[in-house]
Each structure stands twice: as C-alpha cells, then as structure tokens.
Amino acid sequence: MTEQDPTVEKFKVVEPQIPGVPVAKKPAAGSTTGTNLPIAVWLTIAIGAVLMVGASFFWWFSLASKRADRSSAEVPPAVVTPAAAPIAPVEKVAQGPGEIASISELAAPWSSKSFVMQDPVTKLSVPATVVKLPGGAYWGFSMIEPFGQCHLEYITDMKRLKSYYGFEASHPMVGDPCSRSVFDLTKYGPGIDGLVRGEMVQGSGLRPPMAIEVKVQGGKIVALRME
C-alpha cells in the first residue's frame, strides 16, 4: 500500500486537477475582496444611506416651505371695488307748445325753468327758458341767439357776469357768450313786430332774444307760441 501524504488532512475533500486549467486560489478567511463584505460593513453602509436620504428629504421640505411662505407674502391684497353710486333719474324736459312749469316751481322772483319749444318756421325743437320777473309776470324766450347759432345763457351769478362779460348788474341777465352781448329782461328793445322784452344793454347783438308767449292756466304755466 502507498503511504499517505502527512500534509493532506484526513477526510479533506481534494478537488480534482484538470490538466491545462490553472487552479483558482480561494480567498483567505476574513477577506473583503469582491462582494463578500462582512455584515458590519453592509450595516454601516445601509445606515449611512438612510441618513443621507433623510437629510435630503429634510432639506427639500425646508426649501419648499420657504418658497410657499415667500409666495404667500408676495401675493397682493385683493382690490375691493366700491359699489357704484346709484344713477339719478333723468328729469324729463317739458315740451312746448303746452304745459312747461307750475306756479310752485317758479315761486321766487328771478326763478327760472328750462323747456323745449317748437320753432314755427323750421319745426325744430329749440331750447328755451321761462323766468318769473319781479312783480309776478312770466317771460319765456328762446336760448338761441336771433339769426344765429350761439346758445344764450341765463346768468344769475353776478361775479361771472362781471368777470366774463365785464358788466355789472344787481339782478340776473341774459348773455350771449359768442358776442358777449348782455340783455336786460326788465327793459324793452326793438323786435320784429315792435318792442320786445330783453333790451340789449351791452354788445353787438341784432335784437333781444326771440320771445315765447306764455300764460297761466289753473296753476300751470303754458307756452303758446314763439315769435
């Protein structure tokens, strides 16, 4: 019988040797080569990864909160639109010929009311005014200058009468802003068919304003016709 090699441990499995194929060396016990890392190393790596993920999540959450706070601070306050004021009803303008005012509306001397009168020649409606004169008489007249297009004005502001027209008076006047003529309703001047109320006391106007005949009927003031 052949004597056994004392270096070979008893019952140790010996891998067969194939001719021409080198024998792979086994790693020594406790070696960290390859993927056979010790459990302690893997545990350390896992804990480190968890900590990194947690830190990243905490940083992202903090940044998102700051952005949200900044966006909330930058939002402008809502603009509150005030409620629209109620629209006042438009007063209907009286039409002549016909009733144009009541006596109660023109109770005080020099009180006035605007209305519209139909021109007998052109059949167009022209602006007009009726005034209560001192003594109780009512006088109506067209607010368009005779033979022209300028709109007259009934002036009750004596300061405007003096500053714009350069005329001083103690009672309201009728003014022509185009020619700066002034007409006095307490006096008479030449008209188409004779004297007519509203003598021109200043300016270059052709004649007093076109007269409108008015009368009182049962507490109402009625416009009849325009000259």
Foldseek 3Di string as FASTA:
>chain_A
DDDDDPVDDPPDDDDDDDPPDDDDDDDDPPDCPDPPHDPVVVVVVVVVVVVVVVVVVVVVVVVVVVVVVVVVVPDDDDDDDDDDDDDDDDDDAAEPQWFGWFCVQQVDAQRKDKHWYQAPPVRDIFIKMWGQHPVGDIWIFTQAAPPHGFGKDWDQDQVCLCPQLVDGDDGIWIAGNVFSWIWDQVDWDQDDVGIDGTATPDTDGPHGTWTWDWDDDPRTIGTDHTD
